[in-house]
C-alpha cells in the first residue's frame, strides 16, 4: 500500500484497507487517518460510497462524504468479480487493518471474510461494525442510526415530558459503533506488537449506544424504573438544564453543592440555600417543580446577555445555546484551530472540521480533501501491487476497476 502524501502521527506506517461505507465505518477510518494511518477506501464502481450522492453539495461533492472521508485514498473496485476479489486480497496481505460494516456474512460471501484473510495474513486485525452483532436475533435486520437509537432506549428520554420522542440531532447510534471500534483496533494493535498475531474486532452499533448511556442504564438497574424524559433537565441533579430569559434561554448546570449555592446567590435568593426543600440533592430532586418555578420567575425578568454575564460573575456553569453555525464560528473554535481548509481538485477550497486529538500540544497533520471516486486506483495498483499500465488498462476494460473521471 502507498500514500502519495505520507501521513504523520502516532499511527504513521499503519496500513488500513477500508471496505466500509455510509457513516459507522468511514468515521472510524477517518479517525485512524487523522492519527497518521494510511487509509485506502474501497468503493463500488460508478457511484461509489452511497453518501457521495447525499445533498447538499459543494459543486458535485456531497457534504456527507466530505465530513467522513478526509485524508483517505479511493480505489473503485468490483468485488463481485474474481479479479476484484484477488486485488482486495492482495491489498489485505499488505494491510495492518481491514475495516468493514456490512451485514453479517456479506464479506464471507464475497470471499474476503476474516477467516479467509487471516490465512493470507495472520498479523491482520479485522474489524466488523454491524448493527446488532453476529449472534443477535436482530442480526439480519437493516440497521441505521435511528434504528439503533430507538432500540437503545435513548430516544425515549430525548424529549420534553409528555412530548413525542425525538432522535438525537447527532447520529450517535452510528458514531458510537465507530468510536468503540477505534478503541478495539488500537487495543488489538498494541497486543499484536507483543504477540505478532491479529484479531477479529467486532462492534455492534446497538451494543455501543447502550454502553454509552452510563448512569441512565444504572438508574433502571438500581431502581427497576426506566428514567423518564426531562428535556434539557437532568434526571437526578437539580437545577440543571435550560432556563428561560426575557429574550431566549440559558443553560445552567449546578452539578455540585458549591455551584448550587453560587446560583442561589446569583438569583438574589440566598434563602433557598437553607430552605429544607432545596438544601440537598435528594430534596431538590423531590421538589424539582417548585424550584424550577422560582428560577423561571426570576430569570425570565432579564435578558440572556444579562444572565450570561451575571452567572459568570458568580462562577455558575453556564452557556448560551448556539446554532451549529454560531458554534463553528465562535472564538473557541478559532483559538483551538478546529477548522481547516483543504484543496479539492475539482471543487477548490473545502472547510473541514479538524480532529480534536492533540499530542504534545499539536493537532494532526493537515488534512487532505476527500478523494474523487477511484482517484487513487491506478497509483495504488502500480505502487502497492506492482501492476503495469497494460494490466491496469485490461482490468479497467474488464470492469474490474475504475479510475477518477
Foldseek 3Di string as FASTA:
>chain_A
DDDPDQFDAPQGPAEEEEAAAQFLRLQLVVVSVLRGYAYEYEFAPDCTHPQLPDDDALVSGHPRCQFRFWRYHFWHFDLQDPVRVVVVLLVLLVHQEYEYEDQPPPCVVSVNDDVNSCVSHQNHAYEYEYAADDPDPCRVPHDALVNLCVVLCVQQQADAPPDHGDDDPDSQLSHLSSVVRNVVSVVQVVVCVVVVGGYYHYGHSNVSVNVVPPVQVVVCVVPVDHQGHHHQQDSQAPPFGWEAALVGIKTFHCPDLLLVCLVCVLLVNNVLCVPPCRVDRVSCNVVVVVVNVSRNVRRHHHDPVVVVVSSVVSVTDMDDDDDPVCVCPDPVCVVQVQWDWEQDPPSGIDIYGFDNDDDPSHGTDDIHGRHAHQQCNVVCCCPVVVDDPVVVVVCVVVVGIDHGD
